[in-house]
Full PDB file with SEQRES, HELIX, SHEET, SSBOND, CRYST1, ORIGX, SCALE, CONECT and MASTER records, all heavy atoms in Angstrom:
SEQRES   1 A   36  LYS LEU ALA MET ASP TRP THR LYS GLY THR TRP GLU ASN          
SEQRES   2 A   36  LEU ALA GLN CYS ASP GLU LEU ILE VAL SER SER THR ILE          
SEQRES   3 A   36  LYS TRP GLY LEU SER ARG LEU CYS PRO VAL                      
HELIX    1 AA1 LEU A    2  GLU A   12  1                                  11    
HELIX    2 AA2 LEU A   14  SER A   24  1                                  11    
HELIX    3 AA3 LEU A   30  ARG A   32  5                                   3    
CRYST1    1.000    1.000    1.000  90.00  90.00  90.00 P 1           1          
ORIGX1      1.000000  0.000000  0.000000        0.00000                         
ORIGX2      0.000000  1.000000  0.000000        0.00000                         
ORIGX3      0.000000  0.000000  1.000000        0.00000                         
SCALE1      1.000000  0.000000  0.000000        0.00000                         
SCALE2      0.000000  1.000000  0.000000        0.00000                         
SCALE3      0.000000  0.000000  1.000000        0.00000                         
ATOM      1  N   LYS A   1      47.058 -27.844  21.512  1.00  0.00           N  
ATOM      2  CA  LYS A   1      46.192 -28.748  22.288  1.00  0.00           C  
ATOM      3  C   LYS A   1      44.703 -28.386  22.125  1.00  0.00           C  
ATOM      4  O   LYS A   1      43.861 -29.261  21.895  1.00  0.00           O  
ATOM      5  CB  LYS A   1      46.557 -28.665  23.768  1.00  0.00           C  
ATOM      6  CG  LYS A   1      45.673 -29.601  24.634  1.00  0.00           C  
ATOM      7  CD  LYS A   1      45.939 -29.486  26.084  1.00  0.00           C  
ATOM      8  CE  LYS A   1      45.060 -30.357  26.973  1.00  0.00           C  
ATOM      9  NZ  LYS A   1      43.809 -30.780  26.518  1.00  0.00           N  
ATOM     10  N   LEU A   2      44.387 -27.070  22.183  1.00  0.00           N  
ATOM     11  CA  LEU A   2      43.001 -26.646  21.994  1.00  0.00           C  
ATOM     12  C   LEU A   2      42.512 -27.023  20.555  1.00  0.00           C  
ATOM     13  O   LEU A   2      41.413 -27.536  20.403  1.00  0.00           O  
ATOM     14  CB  LEU A   2      42.875 -25.148  22.207  1.00  0.00           C  
ATOM     15  CG  LEU A   2      42.912 -24.643  23.628  1.00  0.00           C  
ATOM     16  CD1 LEU A   2      42.991 -23.119  23.667  1.00  0.00           C  
ATOM     17  CD2 LEU A   2      41.717 -25.087  24.393  1.00  0.00           C  
ATOM     18  N   ALA A   3      43.368 -26.727  19.584  1.00  0.00           N  
ATOM     19  CA  ALA A   3      42.978 -27.059  18.212  1.00  0.00           C  
ATOM     20  C   ALA A   3      42.713 -28.522  17.991  1.00  0.00           C  
ATOM     21  O   ALA A   3      41.733 -28.931  17.382  1.00  0.00           O  
ATOM     22  CB  ALA A   3      44.111 -26.582  17.254  1.00  0.00           C  
ATOM     23  N   MET A   4      43.601 -29.366  18.608  1.00  0.00           N  
ATOM     24  CA  MET A   4      43.388 -30.808  18.515  1.00  0.00           C  
ATOM     25  C   MET A   4      42.141 -31.255  19.259  1.00  0.00           C  
ATOM     26  O   MET A   4      41.347 -32.070  18.727  1.00  0.00           O  
ATOM     27  CB  MET A   4      44.621 -31.567  19.081  1.00  0.00           C  
ATOM     28  CG  MET A   4      44.524 -33.084  18.890  1.00  0.00           C  
ATOM     29  SD  MET A   4      44.279 -33.603  17.168  1.00  0.00           S  
ATOM     30  CE  MET A   4      45.982 -33.615  16.613  1.00  0.00           C  
ATOM     31  N   ASP A   5      41.930 -30.758  20.453  1.00  0.00           N  
ATOM     32  CA  ASP A   5      40.758 -31.132  21.209  1.00  0.00           C  
ATOM     33  C   ASP A   5      39.490 -30.772  20.461  1.00  0.00           C  
ATOM     34  O   ASP A   5      38.544 -31.583  20.379  1.00  0.00           O  
ATOM     35  CB  ASP A   5      40.769 -30.472  22.620  1.00  0.00           C  
ATOM     36  CG  ASP A   5      41.811 -31.024  23.540  1.00  0.00           C  
ATOM     37  OD1 ASP A   5      42.421 -32.090  23.227  1.00  0.00           O  
ATOM     38  OD2 ASP A   5      42.049 -30.377  24.606  1.00  0.00           O  
ATOM     39  N   TRP A   6      39.430 -29.547  19.966  1.00  0.00           N  
ATOM     40  CA  TRP A   6      38.230 -29.064  19.253  1.00  0.00           C  
ATOM     41  C   TRP A   6      38.034 -29.840  17.921  1.00  0.00           C  
ATOM     42  O   TRP A   6      36.901 -30.145  17.574  1.00  0.00           O  
ATOM     43  CB  TRP A   6      38.314 -27.551  19.038  1.00  0.00           C  
ATOM     44  CG  TRP A   6      38.180 -26.798  20.304  1.00  0.00           C  
ATOM     45  CD1 TRP A   6      37.601 -27.200  21.490  1.00  0.00           C  
ATOM     46  CD2 TRP A   6      38.604 -25.460  20.536  1.00  0.00           C  
ATOM     47  NE1 TRP A   6      37.652 -26.168  22.401  1.00  0.00           N  
ATOM     48  CE2 TRP A   6      38.287 -25.091  21.853  1.00  0.00           C  
ATOM     49  CE3 TRP A   6      39.282 -24.521  19.725  1.00  0.00           C  
ATOM     50  CZ2 TRP A   6      38.568 -23.828  22.395  1.00  0.00           C  
ATOM     51  CZ3 TRP A   6      39.541 -23.283  20.300  1.00  0.00           C  
ATOM     52  CH2 TRP A   6      39.230 -22.941  21.596  1.00  0.00           C  
ATOM     53  N   THR A   7      39.112 -30.096  17.216  1.00  0.00           N  
ATOM     54  CA  THR A   7      39.020 -30.805  15.966  1.00  0.00           C  
ATOM     55  C   THR A   7      38.507 -32.256  16.216  1.00  0.00           C  
ATOM     56  O   THR A   7      37.575 -32.692  15.552  1.00  0.00           O  
ATOM     57  CB  THR A   7      40.357 -30.877  15.197  1.00  0.00           C  
ATOM     58  OG1 THR A   7      40.802 -29.516  15.011  1.00  0.00           O  
ATOM     59  CG2 THR A   7      40.243 -31.588  13.865  1.00  0.00           C  
ATOM     60  N   LYS A   8      39.152 -32.938  17.157  1.00  0.00           N  
ATOM     61  CA  LYS A   8      38.679 -34.323  17.461  1.00  0.00           C  
ATOM     62  C   LYS A   8      37.251 -34.338  17.993  1.00  0.00           C  
ATOM     63  O   LYS A   8      36.475 -35.152  17.595  1.00  0.00           O  
ATOM     64  CB  LYS A   8      39.619 -34.945  18.527  1.00  0.00           C  
ATOM     65  CG  LYS A   8      40.882 -35.512  17.950  1.00  0.00           C  
ATOM     66  CD  LYS A   8      41.656 -36.183  19.104  1.00  0.00           C  
ATOM     67  CE  LYS A   8      42.852 -36.974  18.600  1.00  0.00           C  
ATOM     68  NZ  LYS A   8      43.561 -37.599  19.690  1.00  0.00           N  
ATOM     69  N   GLY A   9      36.968 -33.405  18.891  1.00  0.00           N  
ATOM     70  CA  GLY A   9      35.619 -33.374  19.459  1.00  0.00           C  
ATOM     71  C   GLY A   9      34.556 -33.153  18.388  1.00  0.00           C  
ATOM     72  O   GLY A   9      33.490 -33.756  18.430  1.00  0.00           O  
ATOM     73  N   THR A  10      34.822 -32.215  17.492  1.00  0.00           N  
ATOM     74  CA  THR A  10      33.900 -31.909  16.446  1.00  0.00           C  
ATOM     75  C   THR A  10      33.714 -33.131  15.553  1.00  0.00           C  
ATOM     76  O   THR A  10      32.600 -33.523  15.198  1.00  0.00           O  
ATOM     77  CB  THR A  10      34.364 -30.701  15.592  1.00  0.00           C  
ATOM     78  OG1 THR A  10      34.532 -29.575  16.459  1.00  0.00           O  
ATOM     79  CG2 THR A  10      33.349 -30.395  14.465  1.00  0.00           C  
ATOM     80  N   TRP A  11      34.855 -33.750  15.170  1.00  0.00           N  
ATOM     81  CA  TRP A  11      34.812 -34.903  14.258  1.00  0.00           C  
ATOM     82  C   TRP A  11      34.063 -36.052  14.910  1.00  0.00           C  
ATOM     83  O   TRP A  11      33.317 -36.777  14.200  1.00  0.00           O  
ATOM     84  CB  TRP A  11      36.222 -35.280  13.819  1.00  0.00           C  
ATOM     85  CG  TRP A  11      36.246 -36.122  12.608  1.00  0.00           C  
ATOM     86  CD1 TRP A  11      36.559 -37.436  12.542  1.00  0.00           C  
ATOM     87  CD2 TRP A  11      35.863 -35.741  11.244  1.00  0.00           C  
ATOM     88  NE1 TRP A  11      36.430 -37.904  11.228  1.00  0.00           N  
ATOM     89  CE2 TRP A  11      36.019 -36.886  10.431  1.00  0.00           C  
ATOM     90  CE3 TRP A  11      35.453 -34.524  10.694  1.00  0.00           C  
ATOM     91  CZ2 TRP A  11      35.737 -36.866   9.071  1.00  0.00           C  
ATOM     92  CZ3 TRP A  11      35.202 -34.486   9.323  1.00  0.00           C  
ATOM     93  CH2 TRP A  11      35.334 -35.662   8.527  1.00  0.00           C  
ATOM     94  N   GLU A  12      34.295 -36.285  16.170  1.00  0.00           N  
ATOM     95  CA  GLU A  12      33.652 -37.372  16.883  1.00  0.00           C  
ATOM     96  C   GLU A  12      32.142 -37.155  17.064  1.00  0.00           C  
ATOM     97  O   GLU A  12      31.376 -38.125  17.225  1.00  0.00           O  
ATOM     98  CB  GLU A  12      34.260 -37.606  18.271  1.00  0.00           C  
ATOM     99  CG  GLU A  12      35.701 -38.169  18.153  1.00  0.00           C  
ATOM    100  CD  GLU A  12      36.457 -38.137  19.452  1.00  0.00           C  
ATOM    101  OE1 GLU A  12      35.951 -37.604  20.465  1.00  0.00           O  
ATOM    102  OE2 GLU A  12      37.633 -38.620  19.424  1.00  0.00           O  
ATOM    103  N   ASN A  13      31.749 -35.915  16.995  1.00  0.00           N  
ATOM    104  CA  ASN A  13      30.312 -35.584  17.164  1.00  0.00           C  
ATOM    105  C   ASN A  13      29.725 -34.973  15.878  1.00  0.00           C  
ATOM    106  O   ASN A  13      28.747 -34.222  15.905  1.00  0.00           O  
ATOM    107  CB  ASN A  13      30.144 -34.595  18.331  1.00  0.00           C  
ATOM    108  CG  ASN A  13      30.503 -35.207  19.636  1.00  0.00           C  
ATOM    109  OD1 ASN A  13      29.690 -35.977  20.195  1.00  0.00           O  
ATOM    110  ND2 ASN A  13      31.659 -34.958  20.131  1.00  0.00           N  
ATOM    111  N   LEU A  14      30.322 -35.328  14.749  1.00  0.00           N  
ATOM    112  CA  LEU A  14      29.979 -34.723  13.483  1.00  0.00           C  
ATOM    113  C   LEU A  14      28.469 -34.918  13.131  1.00  0.00           C  
ATOM    114  O   LEU A  14      27.825 -33.974  12.686  1.00  0.00           O  
ATOM    115  CB  LEU A  14      30.866 -35.341  12.369  1.00  0.00           C  
ATOM    116  CG  LEU A  14      30.953 -34.548  11.101  1.00  0.00           C  
ATOM    117  CD1 LEU A  14      31.531 -33.136  11.337  1.00  0.00           C  
ATOM    118  CD2 LEU A  14      31.777 -35.257  10.069  1.00  0.00           C  
ATOM    119  N   ALA A  15      27.951 -36.079  13.356  1.00  0.00           N  
ATOM    120  CA  ALA A  15      26.565 -36.325  13.002  1.00  0.00           C  
ATOM    121  C   ALA A  15      25.636 -35.408  13.730  1.00  0.00           C  
ATOM    122  O   ALA A  15      24.665 -34.819  13.154  1.00  0.00           O  
ATOM    123  CB  ALA A  15      26.156 -37.792  13.256  1.00  0.00           C  
ATOM    124  N   GLN A  16      25.832 -35.226  15.027  1.00  0.00           N  
ATOM    125  CA  GLN A  16      24.997 -34.309  15.810  1.00  0.00           C  
ATOM    126  C   GLN A  16      25.172 -32.874  15.368  1.00  0.00           C  
ATOM    127  O   GLN A  16      24.201 -32.107  15.250  1.00  0.00           O  
ATOM    128  CB  GLN A  16      25.339 -34.412  17.299  1.00  0.00           C  
ATOM    129  CG  GLN A  16      24.932 -35.700  17.926  1.00  0.00           C  
ATOM    130  CD  GLN A  16      25.259 -35.717  19.411  1.00  0.00           C  
ATOM    131  OE1 GLN A  16      24.747 -34.908  20.172  1.00  0.00           O  
ATOM    132  NE2 GLN A  16      26.144 -36.632  19.819  1.00  0.00           N  
ATOM    133  N   CYS A  17      26.377 -32.460  15.055  1.00  0.00           N  
ATOM    134  CA  CYS A  17      26.622 -31.101  14.646  1.00  0.00           C  
ATOM    135  C   CYS A  17      25.992 -30.865  13.270  1.00  0.00           C  
ATOM    136  O   CYS A  17      25.311 -29.854  13.099  1.00  0.00           O  
ATOM    137  CB  CYS A  17      28.163 -30.844  14.547  1.00  0.00           C  
ATOM    138  SG  CYS A  17      28.984 -30.860  16.159  1.00  0.00           S  
ATOM    139  N   ASP A  18      26.186 -31.812  12.355  1.00  0.00           N  
ATOM    140  CA  ASP A  18      25.579 -31.668  11.008  1.00  0.00           C  
ATOM    141  C   ASP A  18      24.079 -31.612  11.071  1.00  0.00           C  
ATOM    142  O   ASP A  18      23.422 -30.867  10.344  1.00  0.00           O  
ATOM    143  CB  ASP A  18      26.048 -32.741  10.088  1.00  0.00           C  
ATOM    144  CG  ASP A  18      27.518 -32.566   9.600  1.00  0.00           C  
ATOM    145  OD1 ASP A  18      28.077 -31.501   9.909  1.00  0.00           O  
ATOM    146  OD2 ASP A  18      28.024 -33.470   8.940  1.00  0.00           O  
ATOM    147  N   GLU A  19      23.457 -32.442  11.945  1.00  0.00           N  
ATOM    148  CA  GLU A  19      22.036 -32.462  12.069  1.00  0.00           C  
ATOM    149  C   GLU A  19      21.509 -31.082  12.539  1.00  0.00           C  
ATOM    150  O   GLU A  19      20.524 -30.594  12.013  1.00  0.00           O  
ATOM    151  CB  GLU A  19      21.609 -33.536  13.042  1.00  0.00           C  
ATOM    152  CG  GLU A  19      20.159 -33.682  13.262  1.00  0.00           C  
ATOM    153  CD  GLU A  19      19.772 -34.767  14.258  1.00  0.00           C  
ATOM    154  OE1 GLU A  19      20.426 -35.803  14.267  1.00  0.00           O  
ATOM    155  OE2 GLU A  19      18.836 -34.522  15.027  1.00  0.00           O  
ATOM    156  N   LEU A  20      22.212 -30.506  13.510  1.00  0.00           N  
ATOM    157  CA  LEU A  20      21.805 -29.166  13.953  1.00  0.00           C  
ATOM    158  C   LEU A  20      21.957 -28.099  12.878  1.00  0.00           C  
ATOM    159  O   LEU A  20      21.149 -27.216  12.748  1.00  0.00           O  
ATOM    160  CB  LEU A  20      22.616 -28.776  15.225  1.00  0.00           C  
ATOM    161  CG  LEU A  20      22.091 -29.354  16.521  1.00  0.00           C  
ATOM    162  CD1 LEU A  20      23.130 -29.223  17.622  1.00  0.00           C  
ATOM    163  CD2 LEU A  20      20.809 -28.646  16.957  1.00  0.00           C  
ATOM    164  N   ILE A  21      23.009 -28.198  12.132  1.00  0.00           N  
ATOM    165  CA  ILE A  21      23.228 -27.257  10.985  1.00  0.00           C  
ATOM    166  C   ILE A  21      22.145 -27.363   9.991  1.00  0.00           C  
ATOM    167  O   ILE A  21      21.526 -26.348   9.616  1.00  0.00           O  
ATOM    168  CB  ILE A  21      24.659 -27.452  10.404  1.00  0.00           C  
ATOM    169  CG1 ILE A  21      25.754 -27.079  11.384  1.00  0.00           C  
ATOM    170  CG2 ILE A  21      24.753 -26.603   9.105  1.00  0.00           C  
ATOM    171  CD1 ILE A  21      27.149 -27.538  10.988  1.00  0.00           C  
ATOM    172  N   VAL A  22      21.892 -28.558   9.501  1.00  0.00           N  
ATOM    173  CA  VAL A  22      20.872 -28.753   8.480  1.00  0.00           C  
ATOM    174  C   VAL A  22      19.501 -28.340   8.936  1.00  0.00           C  
ATOM    175  O   VAL A  22      18.742 -27.709   8.231  1.00  0.00           O  
ATOM    176  CB  VAL A  22      20.893 -30.224   7.972  1.00  0.00           C  
ATOM    177  CG1 VAL A  22      19.673 -30.519   7.095  1.00  0.00           C  
ATOM    178  CG2 VAL A  22      22.196 -30.549   7.261  1.00  0.00           C  
ATOM    179  N   SER A  23      19.186 -28.678  10.176  1.00  0.00           N  
ATOM    180  CA  SER A  23      17.843 -28.302  10.740  1.00  0.00           C  
ATOM    181  C   SER A  23      17.704 -26.808  10.997  1.00  0.00           C  
ATOM    182  O   SER A  23      16.585 -26.303  11.200  1.00  0.00           O  
ATOM    183  CB  SER A  23      17.518 -29.082  11.966  1.00  0.00           C  
ATOM    184  OG  SER A  23      18.337 -28.673  13.065  1.00  0.00           O  
ATOM    185  N   SER A  24      18.824 -26.079  10.925  1.00  0.00           N  
ATOM    186  CA  SER A  24      18.784 -24.638  11.199  1.00  0.00           C  
ATOM    187  C   SER A  24      18.956 -23.853   9.955  1.00  0.00           C  
ATOM    188  O   SER A  24      18.992 -22.574  10.013  1.00  0.00           O  
ATOM    189  CB  SER A  24      19.902 -24.264  12.227  1.00  0.00           C  
ATOM    190  OG  SER A  24      19.655 -24.924  13.410  1.00  0.00           O  
ATOM    191  N   THR A  25      19.116 -24.483   8.808  1.00  0.00           N  
ATOM    192  CA  THR A  25      19.193 -23.745   7.503  1.00  0.00           C  
ATOM    193  C   THR A  25      17.888 -24.022   6.779  1.00  0.00           C  
ATOM    194  O   THR A  25      17.345 -25.113   6.865  1.00  0.00           O  
ATOM    195  CB  THR A  25      20.400 -24.216   6.697  1.00  0.00           C  
ATOM    196  OG1 THR A  25      20.294 -25.632   6.474  1.00  0.00           O  
ATOM    197  CG2 THR A  25      21.677 -23.869   7.352  1.00  0.00           C  
ATOM    198  N   ILE A  26      17.454 -23.099   6.024  1.00  0.00           N  
ATOM    199  CA  ILE A  26      16.224 -23.241   5.240  1.00  0.00           C  
ATOM    200  C   ILE A  26      16.579 -23.686   3.846  1.00  0.00           C  
ATOM    201  O   ILE A  26      17.227 -23.008   3.115  1.00  0.00           O  
ATOM    202  CB  ILE A  26      15.423 -21.894   5.210  1.00  0.00           C  
ATOM    203  CG1 ILE A  26      15.063 -21.462   6.635  1.00  0.00           C  
ATOM    204  CG2 ILE A  26      14.181 -22.035   4.358  1.00  0.00           C  
ATOM    205  CD1 ILE A  26      14.491 -20.075   6.763  1.00  0.00           C  
ATOM    206  N   LYS A  27      16.199 -24.929   3.554  1.00  0.00           N  
ATOM    207  CA  LYS A  27      16.414 -25.502   2.241  1.00  0.00           C  
ATOM    208  C   LYS A  27      17.889 -25.547   1.844  1.00  0.00           C  
ATOM    209  O   LYS A  27      18.237 -25.460   0.654  1.00  0.00           O  
ATOM    210  CB  LYS A  27      15.649 -24.696   1.166  1.00  0.00           C  
ATOM    211  CG  LYS A  27      14.140 -24.708   1.408  1.00  0.00           C  
ATOM    212  CD  LYS A  27      13.422 -23.926   0.341  1.00  0.00           C  
ATOM    213  CE  LYS A  27      11.933 -23.861   0.650  1.00  0.00           C  
ATOM    214  NZ  LYS A  27      11.200 -23.040  -0.288  1.00  0.00           N  
ATOM    215  N   TRP A  28      18.775 -25.731   2.820  1.00  0.00           N  
ATOM    216  CA  TRP A  28      20.190 -25.890   2.519  1.00  0.00           C  
ATOM    217  C   TRP A  28      20.685 -27.180   3.095  1.00  0.00           C  
ATOM    218  O   TRP A  28      20.754 -27.359   4.319  1.00  0.00           O  
ATOM    219  CB  TRP A  28      21.001 -24.739   3.146  1.00  0.00           C  
ATOM    220  CG  TRP A  28      20.913 -23.459   2.405  1.00  0.00           C  
ATOM    221  CD1 TRP A  28      19.859 -22.590   2.361  1.00  0.00           C  
ATOM    222  CD2 TRP A  28      21.917 -22.874   1.541  1.00  0.00           C  
ATOM    223  NE1 TRP A  28      20.164 -21.541   1.553  1.00  0.00           N  
ATOM    224  CE2 TRP A  28      21.410 -21.689   1.019  1.00  0.00           C  
ATOM    225  CE3 TRP A  28      23.181 -23.271   1.158  1.00  0.00           C  
ATOM    226  CZ2 TRP A  28      22.121 -20.872   0.163  1.00  0.00           C  
ATOM    227  CZ3 TRP A  28      23.905 -22.465   0.333  1.00  0.00           C  
ATOM    228  CH2 TRP A  28      23.388 -21.302  -0.159  1.00  0.00           C  
ATOM    229  N   GLY A  29      21.015 -28.110   2.243  1.00  0.00           N  
ATOM    230  CA  GLY A  29      21.675 -29.348   2.704  1.00  0.00           C  
ATOM    231  C   GLY A  29      23.188 -29.052   2.863  1.00  0.00           C  
ATOM    232  O   GLY A  29      23.707 -28.071   2.416  1.00  0.00           O  
ATOM    233  N   LEU A  30      23.871 -29.972   3.519  1.00  0.00           N  
ATOM    234  CA  LEU A  30      25.303 -29.813   3.731  1.00  0.00           C  
ATOM    235  C   LEU A  30      26.051 -29.696   2.417  1.00  0.00           C  
ATOM    236  O   LEU A  30      27.040 -28.972   2.308  1.00  0.00           O  
ATOM    237  CB  LEU A  30      25.863 -30.986   4.546  1.00  0.00           C  
ATOM    238  CG  LEU A  30      25.641 -30.906   6.063  1.00  0.00           C  
ATOM    239  CD1 LEU A  30      26.173 -32.117   6.724  1.00  0.00           C  
ATOM    240  CD2 LEU A  30      26.252 -29.642   6.651  1.00  0.00           C  
ATOM    241  N   SER A  31      25.571 -30.420   1.404  1.00  0.00           N  
ATOM    242  CA  SER A  31      26.279 -30.421   0.127  1.00  0.00           C  
ATOM    243  C   SER A  31      26.248 -29.072  -0.575  1.00  0.00           C  
ATOM    244  O   SER A  31      27.145 -28.770  -1.391  1.00  0.00           O  
ATOM    245  CB  SER A  31      25.661 -31.470  -0.837  1.00  0.00           C  
ATOM    246  OG  SER A  31      24.314 -31.180  -1.085  1.00  0.00           O  
ATOM    247  N   ARG A  32      25.304 -28.195  -0.204  1.00  0.00           N  
ATOM    248  CA  ARG A  32      25.240 -26.861  -0.773  1.00  0.00           C  
ATOM    249  C   ARG A  32      26.102 -25.846  -0.084  1.00  0.00           C  
ATOM    250  O   ARG A  32      26.340 -24.746  -0.556  1.00  0.00           O  
ATOM    251  CB  ARG A  32      23.770 -26.375  -0.752  1.00  0.00           C  
ATOM    252  CG  ARG A  32      22.914 -27.091  -1.764  1.00  0.00           C  
ATOM    253  CD  ARG A  32      21.548 -26.423  -1.892  1.00  0.00           C  
ATOM    254  NE  ARG A  32      21.683 -25.074  -2.397  1.00  0.00           N  
ATOM    255  CZ  ARG A  32      20.713 -24.113  -2.267  1.00  0.00           C  
ATOM    256  NH1 ARG A  32      19.610 -24.427  -1.680  1.00  0.00           N  
ATOM    257  NH2 ARG A  32      20.919 -22.934  -2.756  1.00  0.00           N  
ATOM    258  N   LEU A  33      26.607 -26.171   1.098  1.00  0.00           N  
ATOM    259  CA  LEU A  33      27.386 -25.255   1.858  1.00  0.00           C  
ATOM    260  C   LEU A  33      28.821 -25.177   1.351  1.00  0.00           C  
ATOM    261  O   LEU A  33      29.373 -26.179   0.988  1.00  0.00           O  
ATOM    262  CB  LEU A  33      27.447 -25.665   3.372  1.00  0.00           C  
ATOM    263  CG  LEU A  33      26.161 -25.616   4.159  1.00  0.00           C  
ATOM    264  CD1 LEU A  33      26.425 -26.105   5.581  1.00  0.00           C  
ATOM    265  CD2 LEU A  33      25.555 -24.247   4.142  1.00  0.00           C  
ATOM    266  N   CYS A  34      29.341 -23.966   1.307  1.00  0.00           N  
ATOM    267  CA  CYS A  34      30.726 -23.742   1.021  1.00  0.00           C  
ATOM    268  C   CYS A  34      31.568 -24.557   2.025  1.00  0.00           C  
ATOM    269  O   CYS A  34      31.275 -24.517   3.248  1.00  0.00           O  
ATOM    270  CB  CYS A  34      31.020 -22.250   1.105  1.00  0.00           C  
ATOM    271  SG  CYS A  34      32.727 -21.784   1.309  1.00  0.00           S  
ATOM    272  N   PRO A  35      32.597 -25.289   1.569  1.00  0.00           N  
ATOM    273  CA  PRO A  35      33.348 -26.119   2.518  1.00  0.00           C  
ATOM    274  C   PRO A  35      33.981 -25.354   3.704  1.00  0.00           C  
ATOM    275  O   PRO A  35      34.001 -25.878   4.813  1.00  0.00           O  
ATOM    276  CB  PRO A  35      34.450 -26.710   1.644  1.00  0.00           C  
ATOM    277  CG  PRO A  35      33.900 -26.680   0.279  1.00  0.00           C  
ATOM    278  CD  PRO A  35      33.027 -25.479   0.220  1.00  0.00           C  
ATOM    279  N   VAL A  36      34.385 -24.134   3.480  1.00  0.00           N  
ATOM    280  CA  VAL A  36      34.931 -23.296   4.554  1.00  0.00           C  
ATOM    281  C   VAL A  36      33.862 -22.967   5.548  1.00  0.00           C  
ATOM    282  O   VAL A  36      34.007 -23.132   6.753  1.00  0.00           O  
ATOM    283  CB  VAL A  36      35.606 -22.031   4.017  1.00  0.00           C  
ATOM    284  CG1 VAL A  36      36.021 -21.122   5.162  1.00  0.00           C  
ATOM    285  CG2 VAL A  36      36.808 -22.369   3.115  1.00  0.00           C  
TER     286      VAL A  36                                                      
MASTER        0    0    0    3    0    0    0    6  285    1    0    3          
END                                                                             
């Protein structure tokens, strides 16, 4: 249940999460990140 809730929640808010990640990395776009 936790895994599903967190997976769905992350996926539904992916744009916001990705924006925070990209804005917090220096010169690293999402495409440069290791998939894991």
